[in-house]
C-alpha atoms as a PDB file:
ATOM      1  CA  MET A   1       4.747 -52.619  -5.313  1.00  0.00           C
ATOM      2  CA  LYS A   2       8.206 -52.243  -6.814  1.00  0.00           C
ATOM      3  CA  LEU A   3      10.113 -49.129  -7.820  1.00  0.00           C
ATOM      4  CA  GLY A   4      11.560 -48.818 -11.312  1.00  0.00           C
ATOM      5  CA  VAL A   5      12.652 -46.320 -13.935  1.00  0.00           C
ATOM      6  CA  PHE A   6      11.975 -45.678 -17.620  1.00  0.00           C
ATOM      7  CA  THR A   7      15.513 -45.806 -18.994  1.00  0.00           C
ATOM      8  CA  PRO A   8      15.677 -43.316 -21.948  1.00  0.00           C
ATOM      9  CA  LEU A   9      17.088 -40.742 -19.506  1.00  0.00           C
ATOM     10  CA  PHE A  10      20.218 -42.950 -19.374  1.00  0.00           C
ATOM     11  CA  ALA A  11      20.541 -43.216 -23.157  1.00  0.00           C
ATOM     12  CA  ASP A  12      24.198 -42.200 -22.994  1.00  0.00           C
ATOM     13  CA  LEU A  13      25.053 -45.210 -20.803  1.00  0.00           C
ATOM     14  CA  SER A  14      25.647 -48.766 -21.949  1.00  0.00           C
ATOM     15  CA  LEU A  15      23.202 -51.437 -20.855  1.00  0.00           C
ATOM     16  CA  GLU A  16      25.626 -52.652 -18.200  1.00  0.00           C
ATOM     17  CA  ALA A  17      26.377 -49.165 -16.854  1.00  0.00           C
ATOM     18  CA  MET A  18      22.672 -48.285 -16.826  1.00  0.00           C
ATOM     19  CA  LEU A  19      21.798 -51.431 -14.872  1.00  0.00           C
ATOM     20  CA  ASP A  20      24.612 -50.799 -12.398  1.00  0.00           C
ATOM     21  CA  LYS A  21      23.267 -47.290 -11.814  1.00  0.00           C
ATOM     22  CA  VAL A  22      19.737 -48.562 -11.287  1.00  0.00           C
ATOM     23  CA  GLN A  23      20.960 -51.238  -8.887  1.00  0.00           C
ATOM     24  CA  GLN A  24      23.031 -48.729  -6.905  1.00  0.00           C
ATOM     25  CA  ALA A  25      19.961 -46.498  -6.580  1.00  0.00           C
ATOM     26  CA  GLY A  26      18.098 -49.373  -4.909  1.00  0.00           C
ATOM     27  CA  LEU A  27      15.529 -49.902  -7.643  1.00  0.00           C
ATOM     28  CA  ASP A  28      13.815 -53.163  -8.507  1.00  0.00           C
ATOM     29  CA  ALA A  29      12.849 -52.728 -12.166  1.00  0.00           C
ATOM     30  CA  VAL A  30      13.458 -51.005 -15.470  1.00  0.00           C
ATOM     31  CA  GLU A  31      11.165 -50.107 -18.349  1.00  0.00           C
ATOM     32  CA  ILE A  32      13.045 -50.513 -21.631  1.00  0.00           C
ATOM     33  CA  GLY A  33      12.428 -48.715 -24.918  1.00  0.00           C
ATOM     34  CA  THR A  34      12.433 -50.808 -28.084  1.00  0.00           C
ATOM     35  CA  GLY A  35      12.161 -47.860 -30.492  1.00  0.00           C
ATOM     36  CA  GLY A  36       9.799 -45.091 -31.476  1.00  0.00           C
ATOM     37  CA  CYS A  37       9.843 -42.038 -29.189  1.00  0.00           C
ATOM     38  CA  PRO A  38      11.863 -43.743 -26.393  1.00  0.00           C
ATOM     39  CA  GLY A  39      14.505 -45.059 -28.798  1.00  0.00           C
ATOM     40  CA  ASN A  40      16.105 -48.475 -28.366  1.00  0.00           C
ATOM     41  CA  HIS A  41      19.357 -47.551 -26.631  1.00  0.00           C
ATOM     42  CA  HIS A  42      19.245 -50.612 -24.376  1.00  0.00           C
ATOM     43  CA  CYS A  43      17.348 -53.085 -26.541  1.00  0.00           C
ATOM     44  CA  PRO A  44      18.719 -54.494 -29.822  1.00  0.00           C
ATOM     45  CA  ILE A  45      15.273 -55.729 -30.747  1.00  0.00           C
ATOM     46  CA  ASP A  46      16.065 -57.505 -34.013  1.00  0.00           C
ATOM     47  CA  GLU A  47      19.052 -59.312 -32.520  1.00  0.00           C
ATOM     48  CA  LEU A  48      17.007 -60.421 -29.529  1.00  0.00           C
ATOM     49  CA  LEU A  49      14.138 -61.642 -31.697  1.00  0.00           C
ATOM     50  CA  ALA A  50      16.518 -63.657 -33.861  1.00  0.00           C
ATOM     51  CA  SER A  51      18.569 -65.433 -31.203  1.00  0.00           C
ATOM     52  CA  GLU A  52      17.600 -67.421 -28.126  1.00  0.00           C
ATOM     53  CA  ALA A  53      21.210 -67.228 -26.952  1.00  0.00           C
ATOM     54  CA  SER A  54      21.132 -63.424 -27.215  1.00  0.00           C
ATOM     55  CA  ARG A  55      17.933 -63.313 -25.191  1.00  0.00           C
ATOM     56  CA  ALA A  56      19.418 -65.538 -22.483  1.00  0.00           C
ATOM     57  CA  SER A  57      22.539 -63.381 -22.280  1.00  0.00           C
ATOM     58  CA  TYR A  58      20.434 -60.219 -22.224  1.00  0.00           C
ATOM     59  CA  LEU A  59      18.181 -61.416 -19.412  1.00  0.00           C
ATOM     60  CA  ALA A  60      21.195 -62.594 -17.401  1.00  0.00           C
ATOM     61  CA  GLN A  61      22.370 -58.976 -17.197  1.00  0.00           C
ATOM     62  CA  PHE A  62      19.168 -58.063 -15.357  1.00  0.00           C
ATOM     63  CA  ALA A  63      18.910 -61.198 -13.209  1.00  0.00           C
ATOM     64  CA  SER A  64      22.488 -60.889 -11.934  1.00  0.00           C
ATOM     65  CA  ARG A  65      21.555 -57.510 -10.456  1.00  0.00           C
ATOM     66  CA  GLY A  66      18.158 -58.543  -9.090  1.00  0.00           C
ATOM     67  CA  ILE A  67      16.341 -56.291 -11.572  1.00  0.00           C
ATOM     68  CA  VAL A  68      13.234 -57.158 -13.592  1.00  0.00           C
ATOM     69  CA  ILE A  69      11.952 -55.632 -16.823  1.00  0.00           C
ATOM     70  CA  SER A  70       8.566 -54.135 -15.976  1.00  0.00           C
ATOM     71  CA  ALA A  71       7.605 -53.294 -19.569  1.00  0.00           C
ATOM     72  CA  LEU A  72       8.881 -52.837 -23.091  1.00  0.00           C
ATOM     73  CA  SER A  73       7.897 -49.444 -24.512  1.00  0.00           C
ATOM     74  CA  CYS A  74       7.500 -48.336 -28.126  1.00  0.00           C
ATOM     75  CA  HIS A  75       5.496 -45.100 -27.915  1.00  0.00           C
ATOM     76  CA  ASP A  76       4.583 -44.026 -31.458  1.00  0.00           C
ATOM     77  CA  ASN A  77       1.585 -43.420 -33.745  1.00  0.00           C
ATOM     78  CA  PRO A  78       0.460 -46.728 -35.292  1.00  0.00           C
ATOM     79  CA  ILE A  79      -2.582 -45.148 -36.976  1.00  0.00           C
ATOM     80  CA  SER A  80      -0.770 -42.141 -38.410  1.00  0.00           C
ATOM     81  CA  PRO A  81      -2.135 -40.881 -41.747  1.00  0.00           C
ATOM     82  CA  VAL A  82       1.468 -40.846 -43.001  1.00  0.00           C
ATOM     83  CA  LYS A  83       2.009 -44.285 -44.500  1.00  0.00           C
ATOM     84  CA  ALA A  84       5.708 -44.623 -43.670  1.00  0.00           C
ATOM     85  CA  GLU A  85       5.175 -43.524 -40.070  1.00  0.00           C
ATOM     86  CA  ARG A  86       2.156 -45.776 -39.619  1.00  0.00           C
ATOM     87  CA  GLU A  87       3.868 -48.843 -41.033  1.00  0.00           C
ATOM     88  CA  ALA A  88       7.040 -48.304 -39.005  1.00  0.00           C
ATOM     89  CA  ALA A  89       5.077 -47.866 -35.762  1.00  0.00           C
ATOM     90  CA  ASP A  90       2.898 -50.887 -36.470  1.00  0.00           C
ATOM     91  CA  SER A  91       5.870 -53.107 -37.309  1.00  0.00           C
ATOM     92  CA  LEU A  92       7.696 -52.020 -34.158  1.00  0.00           C
ATOM     93  CA  LEU A  93       4.653 -52.648 -31.964  1.00  0.00           C
ATOM     94  CA  ARG A  94       4.166 -56.144 -33.354  1.00  0.00           C
ATOM     95  CA  LYS A  95       7.847 -56.983 -32.896  1.00  0.00           C
ATOM     96  CA  THR A  96       7.775 -55.580 -29.360  1.00  0.00           C
ATOM     97  CA  ILE A  97       4.797 -57.745 -28.424  1.00  0.00           C
ATOM     98  CA  LYS A  98       6.596 -60.810 -29.745  1.00  0.00           C
ATOM     99  CA  LEU A  99       9.813 -59.920 -27.915  1.00  0.00           C
ATOM    100  CA  ALA A 100       7.941 -59.252 -24.660  1.00  0.00           C
ATOM    101  CA  ALA A 101       6.474 -62.758 -24.831  1.00  0.00           C
ATOM    102  CA  LEU A 102       9.884 -64.295 -25.505  1.00  0.00           C
ATOM    103  CA  LEU A 103      11.497 -62.377 -22.622  1.00  0.00           C
ATOM    104  CA  GLY A 104       8.644 -63.014 -20.191  1.00  0.00           C
ATOM    105  CA  VAL A 105       7.823 -59.288 -19.928  1.00  0.00           C
ATOM    106  CA  PRO A 106       4.093 -58.885 -19.198  1.00  0.00           C
ATOM    107  CA  VAL A 107       3.407 -55.376 -20.544  1.00  0.00           C
ATOM    108  CA  VAL A 108       4.051 -53.379 -23.718  1.00  0.00           C
ATOM    109  CA  ASN A 109       3.553 -49.619 -23.383  1.00  0.00           C
ATOM    110  CA  THR A 110       2.646 -47.295 -26.234  1.00  0.00           C
ATOM    111  CA  PHE A 111       0.240 -44.576 -27.407  1.00  0.00           C
ATOM    112  CA  SER A 112      -3.168 -45.216 -28.930  1.00  0.00           C
ATOM    113  CA  GLY A 113      -2.243 -43.077 -31.928  1.00  0.00           C
ATOM    114  CA  THR A 114      -4.116 -40.380 -33.818  1.00  0.00           C
ATOM    115  CA  ALA A 115      -5.468 -40.613 -37.356  1.00  0.00           C
ATOM    116  CA  GLY A 116      -5.999 -37.801 -39.845  1.00  0.00           C
ATOM    117  CA  ASN A 117      -9.364 -36.289 -40.685  1.00  0.00           C
ATOM    118  CA  ASP A 118      -9.849 -38.579 -43.716  1.00  0.00           C
ATOM    119  CA  ASP A 119      -7.976 -41.033 -45.924  1.00  0.00           C
ATOM    120  CA  GLN A 120      -6.294 -38.194 -47.842  1.00  0.00           C
ATOM    121  CA  ALA A 121      -4.869 -36.525 -44.725  1.00  0.00           C
ATOM    122  CA  THR A 122      -1.158 -35.827 -44.465  1.00  0.00           C
ATOM    123  CA  ALA A 123      -1.025 -35.077 -40.726  1.00  0.00           C
ATOM    124  CA  PRO A 124      -2.768 -36.275 -37.550  1.00  0.00           C
ATOM    125  CA  ASN A 125      -5.922 -34.461 -36.406  1.00  0.00           C
ATOM    126  CA  TRP A 126      -6.809 -34.410 -32.668  1.00  0.00           C
ATOM    127  CA  PRO A 127     -10.445 -33.286 -32.291  1.00  0.00           C
ATOM    128  CA  VAL A 128     -11.257 -32.320 -28.707  1.00  0.00           C
ATOM    129  CA  VAL A 129     -14.371 -30.113 -28.996  1.00  0.00           C
ATOM    130  CA  ALA A 130     -17.914 -31.109 -29.939  1.00  0.00           C
ATOM    131  CA  TRP A 131     -18.708 -27.982 -31.953  1.00  0.00           C
ATOM    132  CA  PRO A 132     -18.400 -27.016 -34.759  1.00  0.00           C
ATOM    133  CA  THR A 133     -19.747 -30.467 -35.482  1.00  0.00           C
ATOM    134  CA  VAL A 134     -17.104 -31.177 -38.107  1.00  0.00           C
ATOM    135  CA  TYR A 135     -14.829 -32.080 -35.201  1.00  0.00           C
ATOM    136  CA  SER A 136     -17.347 -34.577 -33.828  1.00  0.00           C
ATOM    137  CA  ASP A 137     -17.676 -36.098 -37.290  1.00  0.00           C
ATOM    138  CA  ILE A 138     -13.895 -36.446 -37.589  1.00  0.00           C
ATOM    139  CA  LYS A 139     -13.683 -38.082 -34.178  1.00  0.00           C
ATOM    140  CA  THR A 140     -16.415 -40.589 -35.035  1.00  0.00           C
ATOM    141  CA  TRP A 141     -14.696 -41.459 -38.325  1.00  0.00           C
ATOM    142  CA  GLN A 142     -11.334 -41.893 -36.626  1.00  0.00           C
ATOM    143  CA  TRP A 143     -12.693 -44.214 -33.967  1.00  0.00           C
ATOM    144  CA  GLU A 144     -14.891 -46.329 -36.226  1.00  0.00           C
ATOM    145  CA  THR A 145     -12.567 -46.731 -39.201  1.00  0.00           C
ATOM    146  CA  LYS A 146      -9.066 -46.454 -37.731  1.00  0.00           C
ATOM    147  CA  LEU A 147      -8.710 -46.732 -33.952  1.00  0.00           C
ATOM    148  CA  ILE A 148     -11.069 -49.580 -33.025  1.00  0.00           C
ATOM    149  CA  PRO A 149     -10.269 -51.881 -35.971  1.00  0.00           C
ATOM    150  CA  TYR A 150      -6.536 -51.455 -35.415  1.00  0.00           C
ATOM    151  CA  TRP A 151      -6.581 -52.082 -31.679  1.00  0.00           C
ATOM    152  CA  ARG A 152      -9.024 -54.953 -31.991  1.00  0.00           C
ATOM    153  CA  GLU A 153      -6.429 -56.756 -34.109  1.00  0.00           C
ATOM    154  CA  ILE A 154      -3.506 -55.761 -31.869  1.00  0.00           C
ATOM    155  CA  GLY A 155      -5.438 -56.757 -28.746  1.00  0.00           C
ATOM    156  CA  GLN A 156      -5.973 -60.221 -30.175  1.00  0.00           C
ATOM    157  CA  LEU A 157      -2.258 -60.435 -31.036  1.00  0.00           C
ATOM    158  CA  ALA A 158      -1.318 -59.413 -27.507  1.00  0.00           C
ATOM    159  CA  GLN A 159      -3.699 -61.961 -25.994  1.00  0.00           C
ATOM    160  CA  ALA A 160      -2.233 -64.702 -28.197  1.00  0.00           C
ATOM    161  CA  HIS A 161       1.218 -63.857 -26.832  1.00  0.00           C
ATOM    162  CA  GLY A 162       0.104 -63.515 -23.200  1.00  0.00           C
ATOM    163  CA  VAL A 163       1.000 -59.806 -23.128  1.00  0.00           C
ATOM    164  CA  LYS A 164      -0.946 -56.750 -21.947  1.00  0.00           C
ATOM    165  CA  ILE A 165      -0.908 -53.364 -23.691  1.00  0.00           C
ATOM    166  CA  GLY A 166      -0.446 -50.243 -21.558  1.00  0.00           C
ATOM    167  CA  ILE A 167      -1.746 -47.200 -23.444  1.00  0.00           C
ATOM    168  CA  GLU A 168      -0.437 -43.929 -22.055  1.00  0.00           C
ATOM    169  CA  LEU A 169      -3.214 -41.350 -21.664  1.00  0.00           C
ATOM    170  CA  HIS A 170      -1.341 -38.556 -23.386  1.00  0.00           C
ATOM    171  CA  GLY A 171      -2.771 -35.416 -24.973  1.00  0.00           C
ATOM    172  CA  GLY A 172      -2.591 -35.400 -28.749  1.00  0.00           C
ATOM    173  CA  PHE A 173      -3.753 -39.023 -29.022  1.00  0.00           C
ATOM    174  CA  LEU A 174      -7.271 -40.406 -29.262  1.00  0.00           C
ATOM    175  CA  CYS A 175      -7.036 -42.218 -25.903  1.00  0.00           C
ATOM    176  CA  HIS A 176      -6.085 -39.507 -23.415  1.00  0.00           C
ATOM    177  CA  THR A 177      -8.646 -39.840 -20.592  1.00  0.00           C
ATOM    178  CA  PRO A 178     -10.048 -42.694 -18.489  1.00  0.00           C
ATOM    179  CA  TYR A 179     -13.256 -42.552 -20.542  1.00  0.00           C
ATOM    180  CA  THR A 180     -11.539 -42.880 -23.917  1.00  0.00           C
ATOM    181  CA  LEU A 181      -9.351 -45.725 -22.664  1.00  0.00           C
ATOM    182  CA  LEU A 182     -12.333 -47.652 -21.271  1.00  0.00           C
ATOM    183  CA  LYS A 183     -14.300 -46.993 -24.455  1.00  0.00           C
ATOM    184  CA  LEU A 184     -11.506 -48.533 -26.530  1.00  0.00           C
ATOM    185  CA  ARG A 185     -11.107 -51.427 -24.093  1.00  0.00           C
ATOM    186  CA  GLU A 186     -14.841 -52.192 -24.290  1.00  0.00           C
ATOM    187  CA  ALA A 187     -14.694 -52.192 -28.097  1.00  0.00           C
ATOM    188  CA  THR A 188     -11.627 -54.462 -28.206  1.00  0.00           C
ATOM    189  CA  CYS A 189     -10.504 -56.703 -25.333  1.00  0.00           C
ATOM    190  CA  ASP A 190      -9.141 -56.751 -21.794  1.00  0.00           C
ATOM    191  CA  ALA A 191      -5.543 -56.915 -23.029  1.00  0.00           C
ATOM    192  CA  ILE A 192      -5.956 -53.196 -23.656  1.00  0.00           C
ATOM    193  CA  GLY A 193      -5.407 -51.092 -20.531  1.00  0.00           C
ATOM    194  CA  ALA A 194      -3.587 -48.032 -19.249  1.00  0.00           C
ATOM    195  CA  ASN A 195      -0.004 -47.117 -18.642  1.00  0.00           C
ATOM    196  CA  LEU A 196      -1.241 -44.538 -16.158  1.00  0.00           C
ATOM    197  CA  ASP A 197       0.826 -41.360 -15.881  1.00  0.00           C
ATOM    198  CA  PRO A 198      -0.519 -38.723 -13.450  1.00  0.00           C
ATOM    199  CA  SER A 199       1.447 -35.944 -15.152  1.00  0.00           C
ATOM    200  CA  HIS A 200      -0.824 -36.055 -18.208  1.00  0.00           C
ATOM    201  CA  LEU A 201      -3.954 -36.229 -16.090  1.00  0.00           C
ATOM    202  CA  TRP A 202      -3.186 -33.176 -13.964  1.00  0.00           C
ATOM    203  CA  TRP A 203      -2.828 -30.799 -16.918  1.00  0.00           C
ATOM    204  CA  GLN A 204      -6.167 -32.034 -18.284  1.00  0.00           C
ATOM    205  CA  GLY A 205      -7.852 -31.262 -14.963  1.00  0.00           C
ATOM    206  CA  ILE A 206      -8.239 -34.941 -13.976  1.00  0.00           C
ATOM    207  CA  ASP A 207      -7.589 -36.059 -10.389  1.00  0.00           C
ATOM    208  CA  PRO A 208      -5.212 -39.055 -10.576  1.00  0.00           C
ATOM    209  CA  VAL A 209      -6.680 -40.672  -7.456  1.00  0.00           C
ATOM    210  CA  ALA A 210     -10.144 -40.590  -9.020  1.00  0.00           C
ATOM    211  CA  ALA A 211      -8.732 -41.900 -12.310  1.00  0.00           C
ATOM    212  CA  ILE A 212      -7.107 -44.800 -10.457  1.00  0.00           C
ATOM    213  CA  ARG A 213     -10.478 -45.718  -8.953  1.00  0.00           C
ATOM    214  CA  ILE A 214     -12.258 -45.458 -12.305  1.00  0.00           C
ATOM    215  CA  LEU A 215      -9.708 -47.620 -14.122  1.00  0.00           C
ATOM    216  CA  GLY A 216      -8.877 -49.876 -11.179  1.00  0.00           C
ATOM    217  CA  GLU A 217     -12.497 -50.941 -10.802  1.00  0.00           C
ATOM    218  CA  GLN A 218     -12.231 -52.375 -14.331  1.00  0.00           C
ATOM    219  CA  GLY A 219      -8.811 -53.960 -13.803  1.00  0.00           C
ATOM    220  CA  ALA A 220      -7.554 -51.625 -16.513  1.00  0.00           C
ATOM    221  CA  ILE A 221      -4.270 -50.356 -15.027  1.00  0.00           C
ATOM    222  CA  HIS A 222      -1.461 -52.398 -16.578  1.00  0.00           C
ATOM    223  CA  HIS A 223       1.515 -50.164 -15.734  1.00  0.00           C
ATOM    224  CA  PHE A 224       2.248 -46.888 -13.937  1.00  0.00           C
ATOM    225  CA  HIS A 225       4.526 -43.912 -14.684  1.00  0.00           C
ATOM    226  CA  ALA A 226       5.699 -41.655 -11.858  1.00  0.00           C
ATOM    227  CA  LYS A 227       6.018 -38.117 -13.219  1.00  0.00           C
ATOM    228  CA  ASP A 228       4.714 -34.851 -11.790  1.00  0.00           C
ATOM    229  CA  THR A 229       3.303 -31.645 -13.300  1.00  0.00           C
ATOM    230  CA  TRP A 230       3.438 -28.105 -11.988  1.00  0.00           C
ATOM    231  CA  LEU A 231       0.358 -26.041 -12.844  1.00  0.00           C
ATOM    232  CA  ASP A 232       0.974 -22.272 -12.948  1.00  0.00           C
ATOM    233  CA  GLN A 233      -2.419 -20.635 -12.444  1.00  0.00           C
ATOM    234  CA  ASP A 234      -1.306 -17.186 -13.601  1.00  0.00           C
ATOM    235  CA  ASN A 235      -0.088 -18.659 -16.879  1.00  0.00           C
ATOM    236  CA  ILE A 236      -3.175 -20.861 -17.156  1.00  0.00           C
ATOM    237  CA  ASN A 237      -5.259 -17.683 -16.989  1.00  0.00           C
ATOM    238  CA  MET A 238      -3.374 -16.416 -20.022  1.00  0.00           C
ATOM    239  CA  TYR A 239      -2.784 -19.540 -22.139  1.00  0.00           C
ATOM    240  CA  GLY A 240      -5.233 -22.174 -20.873  1.00  0.00           C
ATOM    241  CA  LEU A 241      -4.470 -25.816 -20.227  1.00  0.00           C
ATOM    242  CA  THR A 242      -4.027 -26.545 -23.934  1.00  0.00           C
ATOM    243  CA  ASP A 243      -0.980 -24.282 -23.967  1.00  0.00           C
ATOM    244  CA  MET A 244       0.908 -24.598 -27.271  1.00  0.00           C
ATOM    245  CA  GLN A 245       4.116 -22.877 -26.145  1.00  0.00           C
ATOM    246  CA  PRO A 246       7.240 -25.009 -26.554  1.00  0.00           C
ATOM    247  CA  TYR A 247       8.388 -26.925 -23.498  1.00  0.00           C
ATOM    248  CA  GLY A 248      11.431 -24.672 -23.283  1.00  0.00           C
ATOM    249  CA  ALA A 249       9.243 -21.662 -22.394  1.00  0.00           C
ATOM    250  CA  ILE A 250       9.346 -22.640 -18.731  1.00  0.00           C
ATOM    251  CA  ARG A 251       8.554 -19.215 -17.282  1.00  0.00           C
ATOM    252  CA  THR A 252       5.404 -18.618 -19.300  1.00  0.00           C
ATOM    253  CA  ARG A 253       3.990 -22.098 -19.896  1.00  0.00           C
ATOM    254  CA  ALA A 254       0.700 -22.969 -18.182  1.00  0.00           C
ATOM    255  CA  TRP A 255       2.206 -26.212 -16.957  1.00  0.00           C
ATOM    256  CA  ASN A 256       5.569 -27.950 -16.847  1.00  0.00           C
ATOM    257  CA  PHE A 257       6.588 -31.513 -16.128  1.00  0.00           C
ATOM    258  CA  ARG A 258       8.441 -31.906 -12.813  1.00  0.00           C
ATOM    259  CA  THR A 259      10.054 -34.710 -10.906  1.00  0.00           C
ATOM    260  CA  VAL A 260       7.948 -36.432  -8.246  1.00  0.00           C
ATOM    261  CA  GLY A 261       7.140 -34.098  -5.352  1.00  0.00           C
ATOM    262  CA  TYR A 262       7.920 -30.852  -7.185  1.00  0.00           C
ATOM    263  CA  GLY A 263       4.541 -30.347  -8.820  1.00  0.00           C
ATOM    264  CA  HIS A 264       2.319 -31.854  -6.141  1.00  0.00           C
ATOM    265  CA  SER A 265       2.974 -32.631  -2.500  1.00  0.00           C
ATOM    266  CA  ILE A 266       4.366 -35.887  -1.172  1.00  0.00           C
ATOM    267  CA  GLN A 267       1.034 -36.306   0.608  1.00  0.00           C
ATOM    268  CA  GLN A 268      -0.755 -36.247  -2.748  1.00  0.00           C
ATOM    269  CA  TRP A 269       1.699 -38.811  -4.082  1.00  0.00           C
ATOM    270  CA  ALA A 270       1.119 -40.933  -0.962  1.00  0.00           C
ATOM    271  CA  ASP A 271      -2.604 -40.758  -1.718  1.00  0.00           C
ATOM    272  CA  ILE A 272      -1.841 -42.020  -5.232  1.00  0.00           C
ATOM    273  CA  MET A 273       0.160 -44.965  -3.856  1.00  0.00           C
ATOM    274  CA  SER A 274      -2.695 -45.819  -1.481  1.00  0.00           C
ATOM    275  CA  ALA A 275      -5.226 -45.596  -4.303  1.00  0.00           C
ATOM    276  CA  LEU A 276      -3.145 -47.958  -6.437  1.00  0.00           C
ATOM    277  CA  ARG A 277      -3.078 -50.502  -3.601  1.00  0.00           C
ATOM    278  CA  THR A 278      -6.784 -50.026  -2.852  1.00  0.00           C
ATOM    279  CA  TRP A 279      -7.819 -50.647  -6.459  1.00  0.00           C
ATOM    280  CA  GLY A 280      -5.645 -53.671  -7.056  1.00  0.00           C
ATOM    281  CA  TYR A 281      -2.435 -52.376  -8.669  1.00  0.00           C
ATOM    282  CA  ASP A 282       0.546 -54.122  -7.080  1.00  0.00           C
ATOM    283  CA  TYR A 283       3.145 -53.869  -9.805  1.00  0.00           C
ATOM    284  CA  VAL A 284       5.918 -51.433 -10.746  1.00  0.00           C
ATOM    285  CA  VAL A 285       5.939 -47.670 -10.228  1.00  0.00           C
ATOM    286  CA  SER A 286       8.218 -46.539 -13.067  1.00  0.00           C
ATOM    287  CA  ILE A 287       9.956 -43.164 -12.725  1.00  0.00           C
ATOM    288  CA  GLU A 288       9.878 -41.011 -15.855  1.00  0.00           C
ATOM    289  CA  HIS A 289      12.137 -37.968 -15.628  1.00  0.00           C
ATOM    290  CA  GLU A 290      11.362 -34.996 -17.897  1.00  0.00           C
ATOM    291  CA  ASP A 291      11.939 -32.130 -15.447  1.00  0.00           C
ATOM    292  CA  PRO A 292      13.320 -29.080 -17.309  1.00  0.00           C
ATOM    293  CA  LEU A 293      14.703 -27.548 -14.113  1.00  0.00           C
ATOM    294  CA  MET A 294      16.819 -30.493 -12.961  1.00  0.00           C
ATOM    295  CA  SER A 295      19.682 -32.515 -14.332  1.00  0.00           C
ATOM    296  CA  VAL A 296      19.139 -36.177 -15.104  1.00  0.00           C
ATOM    297  CA  GLU A 297      20.990 -37.206 -11.958  1.00  0.00           C
ATOM    298  CA  GLU A 298      19.288 -34.787  -9.590  1.00  0.00           C
ATOM    299  CA  GLY A 299      15.789 -35.279 -10.974  1.00  0.00           C
ATOM    300  CA  PHE A 300      16.160 -39.047 -10.934  1.00  0.00           C
ATOM    301  CA  MET A 301      17.513 -39.239  -7.385  1.00  0.00           C
ATOM    302  CA  ARG A 302      14.913 -36.806  -5.999  1.00  0.00           C
ATOM    303  CA  ALA A 303      12.196 -38.996  -7.472  1.00  0.00           C
ATOM    304  CA  VAL A 304      13.814 -42.124  -6.018  1.00  0.00           C
ATOM    305  CA  THR A 305      14.105 -40.556  -2.560  1.00  0.00           C
ATOM    306  CA  ASN A 306      10.554 -39.237  -2.529  1.00  0.00           C
ATOM    307  CA  LEU A 307       8.978 -42.433  -3.829  1.00  0.00           C
ATOM    308  CA  GLN A 308      10.991 -44.716  -1.554  1.00  0.00           C
ATOM    309  CA  SER A 309       9.460 -42.866   1.394  1.00  0.00           C
ATOM    310  CA  ILE A 310       5.850 -43.564   0.331  1.00  0.00           C
ATOM    311  CA  LEU A 311       5.912 -46.727  -1.797  1.00  0.00           C
ATOM    312  CA  ILE A 312       3.778 -49.521  -0.317  1.00  0.00           C
ATOM    313  CA  ARG A 313       5.942 -52.596  -0.776  1.00  0.00           C
ATOM    314  CA  GLU A 314       4.499 -55.240   1.535  1.00  0.00           C
ATOM    315  CA  GLN A 315       1.141 -56.979   1.504  1.00  0.00           C
ATOM    316  CA  PRO A 316      -1.229 -55.881   4.299  1.00  0.00           C
ATOM    317  CA  LEU A 317      -1.387 -57.991   7.422  1.00  0.00           C
ATOM    318  CA  THR A 318      -4.457 -59.628   8.873  1.00  0.00           C
ATOM    319  CA  MET A 319      -6.540 -56.984  10.657  1.00  0.00           C
ATOM    320  CA  TRP A 320      -5.716 -58.190  14.141  1.00  0.00           C
ATOM    321  CA  TRP A 321      -7.424 -55.172  15.685  1.00  0.00           C
ATOM    322  CA  VAL A 322     -10.943 -56.040  14.496  1.00  0.00           C
END
């Protein structure tokens, strides 16, 4: 495995300064935003699509530092009921897939998206309970008329370009659990897989090691985010896991994102690394820093230090002892 970082946390740095920082930290890879939620601070997507010379110059910046691009990321809502939002997200995703193919980047990360409750909706609707049955009806409509048709087409586009799609299992979107991801994958194609982020599993009550086994058995882990979550049981008792307090309410929230090792033990993270190796993932572990208690620099470097101590880099040897 290789260690990388999702670069929006360095949005205030130029591409060159960001890559120098990543190199100095001893990392092997970067995950680059092309727009949407991550922004495109280090990826002039239209310029790169238009010019082979620009792409060659761009890639040379990474190669000269021994750094690879693990994924291009354009997290957004491509099935939004808001026409302008939907069209912008869809256009960006299609351009990102094309650029990934041209740059030789194997994965594009994004969200599955969330539709409205019908064709007249003006906002997304995320149904997560079976009763009252109106929620089940909305979910069925969303999957059958919006989610599956859209991702069937995008999956075919990704396959045609030799690119895999990593869907982040994030609350608020229709694919947010191993089951929903595998259900979409079965209805579309194997280009659709997970950008697996343990932080979003923990607050849903899902064990990341078990999720890695479930998805790894199907070859459905295309990328991996390293971000932690602290669960505050006293606050969970008050607000539940679907806590709607703003992220700034750190003291009272049921859960908060943390840097690696500050929500769960290093032993638990070591178990995650072992599970990834066991179930066939031997690609990049990409640090995502959204810790409200640490600066960018401190949160990033703590994650680097903790992950460097447990990352499994080399292939296993022959079992000489058996």
